[in-house]
Amino acid sequence: MMDKNDYPFKTEVSPSDIYQIIIEFFKNKKELSDDVLEWLYCNYADIALDALNIIDKFKIQKIISNSNQILYRVNINKFEKVICLPEVYYCSCDKYITEVIVFQKENMCAHLLSSIIAHNIPINIDEIKLSNEDFAKVLMSM
């Protein structure tokens, strides 16, 4: 079993470094294996389960433009959706804006973590292909 000291903790790195740490960890990972789940729990115990539930309940969609731009849409409920851009480390949810950007209490939300997982590990989620114009409209809806 891995020790929590084997992983960089969220309090030891700046938010701008987190995506690179995650990418490095996920490099060559082909599934949500035990070591991936353990890493998620060690680093993000407070949101890891919520992020995995978003994926497990098919609440996340990968949206791809004709020019291969990618975003993720997370369905919070029947009426509310958020947009995640994992490559630029952004989520449009209120928690991300207040807790991550404004107050800097957290360094990500469950929506962003689920999109980072979906972006880096081949998992079965809905993929929607849109024209560049329709993709821009989705982005503008943030």
C-alpha atoms as a PDB file:
ATOM      1  CA  MET A   1       0.000   0.000   0.000  1.00  0.00           C
ATOM      2  CA  MET A   2       1.230   3.457  -0.883  1.00  0.00           C
ATOM      3  CA  ASP A   3       1.993   5.963   1.819  1.00  0.00           C
ATOM      4  CA  LYS A   4       0.437   9.403   1.549  1.00  0.00           C
ATOM      5  CA  ASN A   5       3.983  10.809   1.514  1.00  0.00           C
ATOM      6  CA  ASP A   6       4.450   9.187  -1.905  1.00  0.00           C
ATOM      7  CA  TYR A   7       2.175  11.849  -3.413  1.00  0.00           C
ATOM      8  CA  PRO A   8       2.327  15.628  -3.430  1.00  0.00           C
ATOM      9  CA  PHE A   9      -0.522  16.956  -1.316  1.00  0.00           C
ATOM     10  CA  LYS A  10      -2.817  19.752  -2.366  1.00  0.00           C
ATOM     11  CA  THR A  11      -1.558  22.020   0.394  1.00  0.00           C
ATOM     12  CA  GLU A  12       2.056  21.689  -0.765  1.00  0.00           C
ATOM     13  CA  VAL A  13       1.548  22.948  -4.321  1.00  0.00           C
ATOM     14  CA  SER A  14       0.059  25.974  -5.991  1.00  0.00           C
ATOM     15  CA  PRO A  15      -3.127  25.583  -8.042  1.00  0.00           C
ATOM     16  CA  SER A  16      -1.163  26.346 -11.208  1.00  0.00           C
ATOM     17  CA  ASP A  17       1.006  23.258 -10.590  1.00  0.00           C
ATOM     18  CA  ILE A  18      -1.803  20.851  -9.806  1.00  0.00           C
ATOM     19  CA  TYR A  19      -2.796  20.056 -13.375  1.00  0.00           C
ATOM     20  CA  GLN A  20       0.814  19.181 -14.261  1.00  0.00           C
ATOM     21  CA  ILE A  21       1.086  16.907 -11.215  1.00  0.00           C
ATOM     22  CA  ILE A  22      -2.149  15.165 -12.173  1.00  0.00           C
ATOM     23  CA  ILE A  23      -1.069  14.780 -15.805  1.00  0.00           C
ATOM     24  CA  GLU A  24       2.242  13.303 -14.706  1.00  0.00           C
ATOM     25  CA  PHE A  25       0.473  10.887 -12.383  1.00  0.00           C
ATOM     26  CA  PHE A  26      -2.101   9.861 -14.997  1.00  0.00           C
ATOM     27  CA  LYS A  27       0.531   9.363 -17.691  1.00  0.00           C
ATOM     28  CA  ASN A  28       0.166   5.826 -19.085  1.00  0.00           C
ATOM     29  CA  LYS A  29      -2.821   5.034 -16.844  1.00  0.00           C
ATOM     30  CA  LYS A  30      -5.380   3.074 -18.808  1.00  0.00           C
ATOM     31  CA  GLU A  31      -8.096   2.646 -16.178  1.00  0.00           C
ATOM     32  CA  LEU A  32      -9.326   3.716 -12.781  1.00  0.00           C
ATOM     33  CA  SER A  33      -7.089   1.189 -11.052  1.00  0.00           C
ATOM     34  CA  ASP A  34      -6.555   0.821  -7.313  1.00  0.00           C
ATOM     35  CA  ASP A  35      -3.472   3.046  -7.384  1.00  0.00           C
ATOM     36  CA  VAL A  36      -5.423   5.804  -9.178  1.00  0.00           C
ATOM     37  CA  LEU A  37      -8.280   5.559  -6.681  1.00  0.00           C
ATOM     38  CA  GLU A  38      -5.821   5.599  -3.793  1.00  0.00           C
ATOM     39  CA  TRP A  39      -4.060   8.650  -5.230  1.00  0.00           C
ATOM     40  CA  LEU A  40      -7.387  10.434  -5.607  1.00  0.00           C
ATOM     41  CA  TYR A  41      -8.349   9.622  -2.036  1.00  0.00           C
ATOM     42  CA  CYS A  42      -4.962  10.660  -0.602  1.00  0.00           C
ATOM     43  CA  ASN A  43      -5.018  13.997  -2.401  1.00  0.00           C
ATOM     44  CA  TYR A  44      -8.728  14.807  -2.687  1.00  0.00           C
ATOM     45  CA  ALA A  45     -10.581  12.833  -0.022  1.00  0.00           C
ATOM     46  CA  ASP A  46     -13.172  15.601   0.333  1.00  0.00           C
ATOM     47  CA  ILE A  47     -14.194  15.604  -3.367  1.00  0.00           C
ATOM     48  CA  ALA A  48     -12.906  12.338  -4.872  1.00  0.00           C
ATOM     49  CA  LEU A  49     -16.089  10.369  -4.206  1.00  0.00           C
ATOM     50  CA  ASP A  50     -18.263  13.166  -5.643  1.00  0.00           C
ATOM     51  CA  ALA A  51     -16.050  13.328  -8.757  1.00  0.00           C
ATOM     52  CA  LEU A  52     -16.246   9.563  -9.258  1.00  0.00           C
ATOM     53  CA  ASN A  53     -20.036   9.648  -8.772  1.00  0.00           C
ATOM     54  CA  ILE A  54     -20.304  12.289 -11.504  1.00  0.00           C
ATOM     55  CA  ILE A  55     -18.528   9.904 -13.859  1.00  0.00           C
ATOM     56  CA  ASP A  56     -20.307   6.774 -12.635  1.00  0.00           C
ATOM     57  CA  LYS A  57     -23.773   8.277 -13.009  1.00  0.00           C
ATOM     58  CA  PHE A  58     -22.999   9.557 -16.540  1.00  0.00           C
ATOM     59  CA  LYS A  59     -23.457  13.191 -15.500  1.00  0.00           C
ATOM     60  CA  ILE A  60     -20.446  14.286 -17.550  1.00  0.00           C
ATOM     61  CA  GLN A  61     -20.243  14.776 -21.310  1.00  0.00           C
ATOM     62  CA  LYS A  62     -17.217  15.402 -23.480  1.00  0.00           C
ATOM     63  CA  ILE A  63     -17.949  18.023 -26.119  1.00  0.00           C
ATOM     64  CA  ILE A  64     -15.592  18.226 -29.093  1.00  0.00           C
ATOM     65  CA  SER A  65     -15.573  20.909 -31.781  1.00  0.00           C
ATOM     66  CA  ASN A  66     -14.745  20.347 -35.447  1.00  0.00           C
ATOM     67  CA  SER A  67     -11.355  21.906 -34.716  1.00  0.00           C
ATOM     68  CA  ASN A  68     -10.791  19.393 -31.862  1.00  0.00           C
ATOM     69  CA  GLN A  69     -11.294  21.804 -28.996  1.00  0.00           C
ATOM     70  CA  ILE A  70     -12.602  19.969 -25.936  1.00  0.00           C
ATOM     71  CA  LEU A  71     -14.740  20.912 -22.977  1.00  0.00           C
ATOM     72  CA  TYR A  72     -16.712  18.906 -20.463  1.00  0.00           C
ATOM     73  CA  ARG A  73     -20.283  19.611 -19.436  1.00  0.00           C
ATOM     74  CA  VAL A  74     -21.390  18.335 -16.042  1.00  0.00           C
ATOM     75  CA  ASN A  75     -25.101  18.010 -15.390  1.00  0.00           C
ATOM     76  CA  ILE A  76     -25.600  18.994 -11.765  1.00  0.00           C
ATOM     77  CA  ASN A  77     -29.357  18.493 -11.949  1.00  0.00           C
ATOM     78  CA  LYS A  78     -32.138  18.679 -14.513  1.00  0.00           C
ATOM     79  CA  PHE A  79     -31.744  22.432 -14.952  1.00  0.00           C
ATOM     80  CA  GLU A  80     -28.191  23.282 -13.912  1.00  0.00           C
ATOM     81  CA  LYS A  81     -25.028  22.500 -15.870  1.00  0.00           C
ATOM     82  CA  VAL A  82     -21.421  23.618 -15.501  1.00  0.00           C
ATOM     83  CA  ILE A  83     -18.630  23.757 -18.036  1.00  0.00           C
ATOM     84  CA  CYS A  84     -15.152  22.437 -17.221  1.00  0.00           C
ATOM     85  CA  LEU A  85     -11.976  23.130 -19.143  1.00  0.00           C
ATOM     86  CA  PRO A  86      -9.436  20.758 -17.599  1.00  0.00           C
ATOM     87  CA  GLU A  87      -6.506  21.862 -19.754  1.00  0.00           C
ATOM     88  CA  VAL A  88      -6.789  25.425 -18.466  1.00  0.00           C
ATOM     89  CA  TYR A  89      -7.897  24.297 -15.011  1.00  0.00           C
ATOM     90  CA  TYR A  90     -11.315  25.977 -14.921  1.00  0.00           C
ATOM     91  CA  CYS A  91     -14.883  25.187 -13.879  1.00  0.00           C
ATOM     92  CA  SER A  92     -17.852  27.518 -14.169  1.00  0.00           C
ATOM     93  CA  CYS A  93     -19.501  26.386 -10.905  1.00  0.00           C
ATOM     94  CA  ASP A  94     -20.031  28.727  -7.970  1.00  0.00           C
ATOM     95  CA  LYS A  95     -17.823  26.672  -5.640  1.00  0.00           C
ATOM     96  CA  TYR A  96     -14.860  26.902  -8.007  1.00  0.00           C
ATOM     97  CA  ILE A  97     -15.245  30.631  -8.410  1.00  0.00           C
ATOM     98  CA  THR A  98     -15.669  31.363  -4.690  1.00  0.00           C
ATOM     99  CA  GLU A  99     -13.577  28.670  -2.975  1.00  0.00           C
ATOM    100  CA  VAL A 100     -10.774  28.323  -5.553  1.00  0.00           C
ATOM    101  CA  ILE A 101     -10.438  31.670  -7.289  1.00  0.00           C
ATOM    102  CA  VAL A 102     -11.673  34.220  -4.763  1.00  0.00           C
ATOM    103  CA  PHE A 103     -10.901  32.780  -1.302  1.00  0.00           C
ATOM    104  CA  GLN A 104      -8.258  30.217  -2.346  1.00  0.00           C
ATOM    105  CA  LYS A 105      -9.510  27.743   0.272  1.00  0.00           C
ATOM    106  CA  GLU A 106      -9.570  24.816  -2.162  1.00  0.00           C
ATOM    107  CA  ASN A 107      -7.701  24.139  -5.370  1.00  0.00           C
ATOM    108  CA  MET A 108     -10.457  22.398  -7.308  1.00  0.00           C
ATOM    109  CA  CYS A 109     -14.075  21.283  -7.234  1.00  0.00           C
ATOM    110  CA  ALA A 110     -15.533  17.824  -7.856  1.00  0.00           C
ATOM    111  CA  HIS A 111     -16.689  18.856 -11.355  1.00  0.00           C
ATOM    112  CA  LEU A 112     -13.179  19.851 -12.404  1.00  0.00           C
ATOM    113  CA  LEU A 113     -11.673  16.704 -10.877  1.00  0.00           C
ATOM    114  CA  SER A 114     -14.178  14.522 -12.759  1.00  0.00           C
ATOM    115  CA  SER A 115     -13.340  16.302 -16.025  1.00  0.00           C
ATOM    116  CA  ILE A 116      -9.595  15.890 -15.411  1.00  0.00           C
ATOM    117  CA  ILE A 117     -10.117  12.164 -14.799  1.00  0.00           C
ATOM    118  CA  ALA A 118     -12.286  11.845 -17.916  1.00  0.00           C
ATOM    119  CA  HIS A 119      -9.769  13.803 -19.965  1.00  0.00           C
ATOM    120  CA  ASN A 120      -6.791  11.676 -18.958  1.00  0.00           C
ATOM    121  CA  ILE A 121      -8.097   8.140 -18.457  1.00  0.00           C
ATOM    122  CA  PRO A 122     -10.063   6.347 -21.177  1.00  0.00           C
ATOM    123  CA  ILE A 123     -13.494   5.933 -19.610  1.00  0.00           C
ATOM    124  CA  ASN A 124     -16.930   5.509 -21.085  1.00  0.00           C
ATOM    125  CA  ILE A 125     -18.690   8.889 -21.185  1.00  0.00           C
ATOM    126  CA  ASP A 126     -20.977  10.547 -23.705  1.00  0.00           C
ATOM    127  CA  GLU A 127     -19.136  12.355 -26.499  1.00  0.00           C
ATOM    128  CA  ILE A 128     -20.864  15.069 -28.468  1.00  0.00           C
ATOM    129  CA  LYS A 129     -19.350  16.469 -31.644  1.00  0.00           C
ATOM    130  CA  LEU A 130     -20.330  20.028 -32.506  1.00  0.00           C
ATOM    131  CA  SER A 131     -19.557  22.519 -35.207  1.00  0.00           C
ATOM    132  CA  ASN A 132     -17.164  25.265 -34.160  1.00  0.00           C
ATOM    133  CA  GLU A 133     -20.080  27.701 -34.072  1.00  0.00           C
ATOM    134  CA  ASP A 134     -22.203  25.489 -31.799  1.00  0.00           C
ATOM    135  CA  PHE A 135     -19.173  24.783 -29.610  1.00  0.00           C
ATOM    136  CA  ALA A 136     -18.654  28.532 -29.197  1.00  0.00           C
ATOM    137  CA  LYS A 137     -22.300  28.877 -28.158  1.00  0.00           C
ATOM    138  CA  VAL A 138     -21.784  26.267 -25.433  1.00  0.00           C
ATOM    139  CA  LEU A 139     -18.709  28.152 -24.237  1.00  0.00           C
ATOM    140  CA  MET A 140     -20.640  31.414 -24.240  1.00  0.00           C
ATOM    141  CA  SER A 141     -23.314  29.832 -22.029  1.00  0.00           C
ATOM    142  CA  MET A 142     -20.857  29.601 -19.122  1.00  0.00           C
END
